[in-house]
Amino acid sequence: MPTTILKIMFVGAHLEARLPFEHLAATNENIVGLFTLTPEALGRMSGGIDLTGLAKAANIPVRTGTNLNAPETLAWVKTLAPDLLLVVGWTQLLKSELLAIPRIGCLGFHASLLPKYRGRAPVNWAILNGETETGNTMMVLEPGADEGDIVSQRRIPIGEQDDCKTIYEKVSLTECEMLDEVLPLIREGRLPRVKQDSGAATVMPKRKPEDGLLDWRWPSRRLYNWVRALTHPYPGAFGYLCGRKVTIWKACLDANSRPIDEPAGSVHLSSDGFPLVNAGDNGALKLLQVEREGHSSVSGVEAGQTFLKPPAAFQTDLVEVAV
């Protein structure tokens, strides 16, 4: 047991919150309450996860809602009298009245190497932009978005086969590491703080499901990054075939594929039966798992025998310019 007991209130709703929540409970930290989204709101959230079962099994009081800053929520937090408010996987900004309640302060995580990739969907944006490294930052929460002092950081490599789900799994592991590093310091009365260099900050916008539209005139590498950045638990990258939406859940770059003299978006088959879609750089994207609108997800081989059988071709007239 910790020598000094900290009363920790936990806030979270995204899949990255599960492992640190379980870790705190397993290491006998004193979690005095959990605030999370309602089931209806969780159902609308990409990557949302229900933590209430874990909390109830550990006899942790639970409150659900959509507004962490609501007066009734503030009143509940005050009754818990937490020493520390810990926020993991939560998009709403905390207002000053809430930030002032915990005795020690409010800490949160942001899945980037702050001040880079402030804002929304940092993991998705890093993969979309072709980064080979991202990170995770524990910070002191302030009213501004991701502007607080840095408490701890971890670097996270983005491998060739990584996608948004595997990176968030790595993010969760680093959160446990940083909690193990920082909580003992807090119990000793110390909290490391380094101010961010706001001049080096980049701020990323919120993404919407319709932003997953693929432009097959892009280079094959960019198409691949788009697919792995937006796959489960997110809405997915997609194109249109004869006016019907086709979501690409898994793909790869195939160095052995031979481009054909057809426009971008044209489909041919690899030697092992997977659809190869022509890209704008004479390369091709190999489709491994796809889902046609109104149908279940199928392997690329099955798709190549049915609706993605040559001479199928994805539409390329849905965006004005290739960027």
Protein backbone atom coordinates (compact mmCIF):
# COMPACT_ATOMS: atom_id res chain seq x y z
CA MET A 1 0.00 0.00 0.00
CA PRO A 2 1.19 3.57 -0.61
CA THR A 3 2.68 5.18 2.50
CA THR A 4 0.60 8.31 1.86
CA ILE A 5 -2.90 7.64 0.59
CA LEU A 6 -4.00 9.89 -2.27
CA LYS A 7 -7.70 10.27 -2.97
CA ILE A 8 -7.87 10.01 -6.75
CA MET A 9 -10.92 10.77 -8.87
CA PHE A 10 -10.74 9.23 -12.34
CA VAL A 11 -12.33 10.65 -15.49
CA GLY A 12 -12.31 8.68 -18.75
CA ALA A 13 -14.32 7.16 -21.56
CA HIS A 14 -11.89 6.28 -24.38
CA LEU A 15 -10.26 2.86 -24.82
CA GLU A 16 -6.90 4.24 -23.69
CA ALA A 17 -8.39 4.76 -20.19
CA ARG A 18 -9.02 1.10 -19.43
CA LEU A 19 -5.47 -0.07 -18.73
CA PRO A 20 -4.47 2.84 -16.44
CA PHE A 21 -7.78 2.52 -14.57
CA GLU A 22 -7.16 -1.21 -14.03
CA HIS A 23 -3.54 -0.48 -13.10
CA LEU A 24 -4.49 2.02 -10.41
CA ALA A 25 -6.99 -0.42 -8.92
CA ALA A 26 -4.49 -3.31 -9.04
CA THR A 27 -1.81 -1.25 -7.26
CA ASN A 28 -4.26 -0.35 -4.47
CA GLU A 29 -4.49 3.34 -5.24
CA ASN A 30 -7.48 4.98 -3.59
CA ILE A 31 -9.88 5.74 -6.47
CA VAL A 32 -12.72 7.61 -4.79
CA GLY A 33 -14.89 8.06 -7.87
CA LEU A 34 -15.26 7.56 -11.62
CA PHE A 35 -16.92 9.99 -13.99
CA THR A 36 -17.62 8.64 -17.46
CA LEU A 37 -20.02 9.05 -20.35
CA THR A 38 -23.58 7.79 -20.40
CA PRO A 39 -24.16 4.59 -22.41
CA GLU A 40 -25.87 6.63 -25.13
CA ALA A 41 -22.91 9.01 -25.45
CA LEU A 42 -20.44 6.12 -25.39
CA GLY A 43 -22.32 4.57 -28.32
CA ARG A 44 -21.68 7.68 -30.36
CA MET A 45 -17.98 7.90 -29.51
CA SER A 46 -15.31 6.29 -31.65
CA GLY A 47 -13.21 4.19 -29.32
CA GLY A 48 -15.53 4.65 -26.37
CA ILE A 49 -15.25 2.11 -23.56
CA ASP A 50 -17.51 1.32 -20.60
CA LEU A 51 -15.55 1.46 -17.34
CA THR A 52 -18.55 1.20 -15.03
CA GLY A 53 -18.35 -2.57 -14.64
CA LEU A 54 -14.73 -2.37 -13.51
CA ALA A 55 -15.56 0.43 -11.09
CA LYS A 56 -18.53 -1.32 -9.54
CA ALA A 57 -16.53 -4.53 -9.12
CA ALA A 58 -14.01 -2.51 -7.11
CA ASN A 59 -16.75 -0.65 -5.15
CA ILE A 60 -15.80 2.66 -6.72
CA PRO A 61 -18.64 5.23 -6.88
CA VAL A 62 -19.67 6.01 -10.46
CA ARG A 63 -21.38 8.99 -12.03
CA THR A 64 -22.22 9.19 -15.72
CA GLY A 65 -22.97 12.24 -17.80
CA THR A 66 -21.91 14.26 -20.79
CA ASN A 67 -20.82 17.48 -19.07
CA LEU A 68 -18.03 17.24 -16.55
CA ASN A 69 -18.43 20.95 -15.76
CA ALA A 70 -22.15 20.79 -14.96
CA PRO A 71 -23.14 22.19 -11.55
CA GLU A 72 -24.44 18.85 -10.31
CA THR A 73 -21.17 17.17 -11.30
CA LEU A 74 -19.13 19.84 -9.55
CA ALA A 75 -21.18 19.30 -6.41
CA TRP A 76 -20.53 15.55 -6.59
CA VAL A 77 -16.79 16.05 -7.04
CA LYS A 78 -16.72 18.35 -4.03
CA THR A 79 -18.32 15.66 -1.88
CA LEU A 80 -15.53 13.27 -2.90
CA ALA A 81 -12.89 15.84 -1.88
CA PRO A 82 -10.18 14.33 -4.13
CA ASP A 83 -6.51 15.12 -3.72
CA LEU A 84 -5.98 14.49 -7.42
CA LEU A 85 -8.22 14.50 -10.48
CA LEU A 86 -6.86 12.19 -13.19
CA VAL A 87 -8.25 12.55 -16.72
CA VAL A 88 -7.58 9.87 -19.37
CA GLY A 89 -9.36 9.69 -22.72
CA TRP A 90 -11.72 12.64 -22.31
CA THR A 91 -12.20 15.39 -24.90
CA GLN A 92 -14.09 18.05 -22.94
CA LEU A 93 -12.01 20.88 -21.46
CA LEU A 94 -12.17 21.34 -17.70
CA LYS A 95 -13.26 24.78 -16.50
CA SER A 96 -11.57 26.74 -13.73
CA GLU A 97 -14.16 25.90 -11.05
CA LEU A 98 -13.57 22.18 -11.52
CA LEU A 99 -9.80 22.53 -11.79
CA ALA A 100 -9.77 24.28 -8.40
CA ILE A 101 -11.48 21.46 -6.47
CA PRO A 102 -8.72 18.82 -6.04
CA ARG A 103 -6.29 19.59 -3.23
CA ILE A 104 -3.17 18.90 -5.29
CA GLY A 105 -4.39 19.47 -8.83
CA CYS A 106 -5.61 17.91 -12.05
CA LEU A 107 -3.44 15.76 -14.30
CA GLY A 108 -4.23 14.43 -17.74
CA PHE A 109 -2.65 12.66 -20.68
CA HIS A 110 -2.38 13.71 -24.31
CA ALA A 111 -1.20 11.15 -26.86
CA SER A 112 1.54 13.22 -28.48
CA LEU A 113 4.89 14.77 -27.68
CA LEU A 114 3.49 18.11 -26.60
CA PRO A 115 3.58 20.86 -27.70
CA LYS A 116 3.31 19.01 -31.03
CA TYR A 117 -0.11 17.72 -32.06
CA ARG A 118 -2.21 19.60 -29.56
CA GLY A 119 -5.94 19.28 -30.14
CA ARG A 120 -8.06 16.42 -31.38
CA ALA A 121 -7.19 12.93 -32.65
CA PRO A 122 -3.40 13.20 -32.14
CA VAL A 123 -2.68 9.52 -32.84
CA ASN A 124 -4.78 9.53 -36.01
CA TRP A 125 -3.17 12.72 -37.26
CA ALA A 126 0.36 11.44 -36.58
CA ILE A 127 -0.27 8.33 -38.70
CA LEU A 128 -2.07 10.31 -41.40
CA ASN A 129 0.95 12.59 -41.65
CA GLY A 130 3.35 9.68 -42.02
CA GLU A 131 5.15 10.19 -38.71
CA THR A 132 7.47 7.42 -37.56
CA GLU A 133 7.32 8.54 -33.93
CA THR A 134 4.72 9.98 -31.62
CA GLY A 135 4.49 9.98 -27.85
CA ASN A 136 2.42 10.53 -24.76
CA THR A 137 2.50 13.42 -22.31
CA MET A 138 1.32 13.68 -18.72
CA MET A 139 0.46 17.31 -18.09
CA VAL A 140 -1.08 19.65 -15.55
CA LEU A 141 -4.54 20.48 -16.83
CA GLU A 142 -5.45 24.10 -17.49
CA PRO A 143 -8.52 25.74 -19.09
CA GLY A 144 -6.75 25.90 -22.48
CA ALA A 145 -6.47 22.84 -24.71
CA ASP A 146 -3.28 20.85 -23.99
CA GLU A 147 -1.41 23.93 -22.81
CA GLY A 148 -0.47 22.88 -19.27
CA ASP A 149 2.98 22.20 -17.86
CA ILE A 150 4.57 18.90 -18.82
CA VAL A 151 4.96 16.46 -15.92
CA SER A 152 6.36 13.46 -17.82
CA GLN A 153 6.70 12.20 -21.40
CA ARG A 154 7.34 8.98 -23.29
CA ARG A 155 8.35 8.53 -26.92
CA ILE A 156 6.45 5.92 -28.93
CA PRO A 157 7.70 4.58 -32.29
CA ILE A 158 5.17 4.14 -35.09
CA GLY A 159 6.09 0.94 -36.92
CA GLU A 160 5.24 0.07 -40.49
CA GLN A 161 2.46 -2.28 -39.35
CA ASP A 162 1.08 -0.08 -36.58
CA ASP A 163 -2.41 1.37 -36.82
CA CYS A 164 -4.48 3.62 -34.54
CA LYS A 165 -5.48 0.73 -32.27
CA THR A 166 -1.95 -0.62 -31.73
CA ILE A 167 -0.60 2.87 -31.04
CA TYR A 168 -3.32 3.52 -28.45
CA GLU A 169 -2.34 0.22 -26.80
CA LYS A 170 1.22 1.55 -26.55
CA VAL A 171 -0.13 4.86 -25.25
CA SER A 172 -1.99 3.05 -22.46
CA LEU A 173 1.15 1.23 -21.40
CA THR A 174 3.10 4.49 -21.14
CA GLU A 175 0.32 5.96 -19.00
CA CYS A 176 0.83 3.18 -16.47
CA GLU A 177 4.59 3.80 -16.57
CA MET A 178 4.17 7.52 -15.95
CA LEU A 179 1.70 6.95 -13.12
CA ASP A 180 4.22 4.65 -11.45
CA GLU A 181 6.85 7.36 -11.90
CA VAL A 182 4.86 10.40 -10.80
CA LEU A 183 2.50 9.24 -8.04
CA PRO A 184 5.37 8.39 -5.63
CA LEU A 185 6.77 11.88 -6.22
CA ILE A 186 3.40 13.45 -5.47
CA ARG A 187 3.20 11.48 -2.24
CA GLU A 188 6.57 13.01 -1.34
CA GLY A 189 5.18 16.48 -2.02
CA ARG A 190 6.88 16.93 -5.40
CA LEU A 191 5.34 17.44 -8.83
CA PRO A 192 7.76 17.89 -11.76
CA ARG A 193 6.62 20.70 -14.08
CA VAL A 194 8.17 22.02 -17.30
CA LYS A 195 6.45 24.79 -19.24
CA GLN A 196 5.57 24.06 -22.85
CA ASP A 197 7.11 26.02 -25.68
CA SER A 198 3.93 27.39 -27.21
CA GLY A 199 5.92 28.78 -30.12
CA ALA A 200 6.61 25.20 -31.23
CA ALA A 201 2.99 24.08 -30.87
CA THR A 202 0.90 22.53 -33.62
CA VAL A 203 -2.88 22.30 -33.16
CA MET A 204 -4.89 19.64 -34.96
CA PRO A 205 -8.60 19.94 -35.78
CA LYS A 206 -11.38 17.52 -34.96
CA ARG A 207 -11.95 14.79 -37.52
CA LYS A 208 -15.35 13.71 -38.84
CA PRO A 209 -16.32 10.33 -40.36
CA GLU A 210 -16.69 11.89 -43.81
CA ASP A 211 -13.03 12.98 -43.65
CA GLY A 212 -12.07 9.35 -44.30
CA LEU A 213 -12.76 9.64 -48.04
CA LEU A 214 -9.80 8.35 -50.05
CA ASP A 215 -8.54 10.10 -53.15
CA TRP A 216 -7.06 7.30 -55.24
CA ARG A 217 -4.89 9.84 -57.05
CA TRP A 218 -2.81 10.14 -53.88
CA PRO A 219 0.51 8.24 -53.63
CA SER A 220 0.11 4.67 -52.39
CA ARG A 221 1.95 5.48 -49.14
CA ARG A 222 -0.57 8.17 -48.26
CA LEU A 223 -3.48 5.85 -49.02
CA TYR A 224 -1.95 3.22 -46.74
CA ASN A 225 -1.46 5.74 -43.92
CA TRP A 226 -5.08 6.83 -44.31
CA VAL A 227 -6.35 3.27 -43.90
CA ARG A 228 -4.29 2.41 -40.82
CA ALA A 229 -4.99 5.76 -39.17
CA LEU A 230 -8.76 5.40 -39.44
CA THR A 231 -9.41 1.68 -38.95
CA HIS A 232 -11.26 0.17 -35.94
CA PRO A 233 -12.30 1.55 -33.53
CA TYR A 234 -12.72 4.57 -35.81
CA PRO A 235 -15.16 4.87 -38.74
CA GLY A 236 -12.62 3.81 -41.38
CA ALA A 237 -11.18 5.05 -44.67
CA PHE A 238 -13.44 4.54 -47.66
CA GLY A 239 -14.06 4.99 -51.35
CA TYR A 240 -17.02 4.61 -53.70
CA LEU A 241 -17.61 1.87 -56.22
CA CYS A 242 -20.52 2.42 -58.60
CA GLY A 243 -21.95 4.90 -56.10
CA ARG A 244 -21.75 2.51 -53.12
CA LYS A 245 -19.48 3.09 -50.15
CA VAL A 246 -16.67 0.59 -49.59
CA THR A 247 -14.73 0.84 -46.31
CA ILE A 248 -11.15 -0.44 -46.27
CA TRP A 249 -10.38 -1.78 -42.79
CA LYS A 250 -6.99 -3.27 -43.54
CA ALA A 251 -4.51 -2.84 -46.38
CA CYS A 252 -0.82 -2.97 -47.11
CA LEU A 253 1.75 -1.81 -49.60
CA ASP A 254 2.82 -4.63 -51.88
CA ALA A 255 6.35 -4.19 -53.19
CA ASN A 256 5.84 -7.12 -55.55
CA SER A 257 2.72 -5.72 -57.20
CA ARG A 258 3.15 -4.68 -60.81
CA PRO A 259 1.22 -1.54 -61.75
CA ILE A 260 -1.08 -1.75 -64.72
CA ASP A 261 -1.55 0.92 -67.32
CA GLU A 262 -4.94 2.00 -65.99
CA PRO A 263 -6.15 5.16 -64.20
CA ALA A 264 -5.95 5.65 -60.44
CA GLY A 265 -8.70 3.70 -58.71
CA SER A 266 -8.60 0.82 -61.18
CA VAL A 267 -8.64 -2.64 -59.61
CA HIS A 268 -6.58 -5.66 -60.59
CA LEU A 269 -5.69 -8.77 -58.59
CA SER A 270 -2.47 -9.86 -56.95
CA SER A 271 -1.08 -13.34 -57.53
CA ASP A 272 -2.73 -14.44 -54.28
CA GLY A 273 -6.12 -13.03 -55.21
CA PHE A 274 -6.25 -9.75 -53.28
CA PRO A 275 -7.50 -6.56 -54.96
CA LEU A 276 -4.76 -4.12 -55.90
CA VAL A 277 -5.99 -0.56 -56.44
CA ASN A 278 -3.93 1.74 -58.62
CA ALA A 279 -2.63 4.85 -56.86
CA GLY A 280 -1.42 8.14 -58.28
CA ASP A 281 2.28 7.28 -58.09
CA ASN A 282 2.22 4.10 -60.21
CA GLY A 283 2.02 2.10 -56.98
CA ALA A 284 -0.92 0.15 -55.65
CA LEU A 285 -2.74 -0.46 -52.38
CA LYS A 286 -3.43 -4.10 -51.53
CA LEU A 287 -6.84 -4.50 -49.85
CA LEU A 288 -6.87 -7.13 -47.10
CA GLN A 289 -10.20 -6.50 -45.34
CA VAL A 290 -13.09 -4.49 -46.78
CA GLU A 291 -16.76 -3.83 -46.17
CA ARG A 292 -19.31 -2.92 -48.81
CA GLU A 293 -22.16 -0.69 -47.66
CA GLY A 294 -25.02 -2.81 -46.38
CA HIS A 295 -22.88 -5.96 -46.05
CA SER A 296 -20.50 -7.52 -43.54
CA SER A 297 -16.75 -7.13 -43.61
CA VAL A 298 -14.98 -9.70 -45.81
CA SER A 299 -11.44 -10.63 -46.73
CA GLY A 300 -9.87 -9.02 -49.74
CA VAL A 301 -9.79 -12.37 -51.51
CA GLU A 302 -13.56 -12.75 -51.19
CA ALA A 303 -14.06 -9.17 -52.35
CA GLY A 304 -11.78 -9.84 -55.32
CA GLN A 305 -13.98 -12.73 -56.34
CA THR A 306 -17.18 -10.68 -56.13
CA PHE A 307 -17.68 -6.91 -56.03
CA LEU A 308 -13.99 -5.97 -56.44
CA LYS A 309 -13.40 -8.28 -59.36
CA PRO A 310 -11.68 -6.54 -62.30
CA PRO A 311 -12.53 -4.40 -64.18
CA ALA A 312 -13.97 -2.76 -61.05
CA ALA A 313 -12.79 0.79 -60.42
CA PHE A 314 -13.17 3.18 -57.51
CA GLN A 315 -14.53 6.64 -58.30
CA THR A 316 -11.99 9.46 -58.41
CA ASP A 317 -14.39 12.30 -59.19
CA LEU A 318 -15.44 12.89 -55.57
CA VAL A 319 -12.74 15.40 -54.61
CA GLU A 320 -11.83 18.51 -56.55
CA VAL A 321 -8.05 18.16 -56.39
CA ALA A 322 -5.54 15.65 -55.11
CA VAL A 323 -3.49 17.17 -52.28
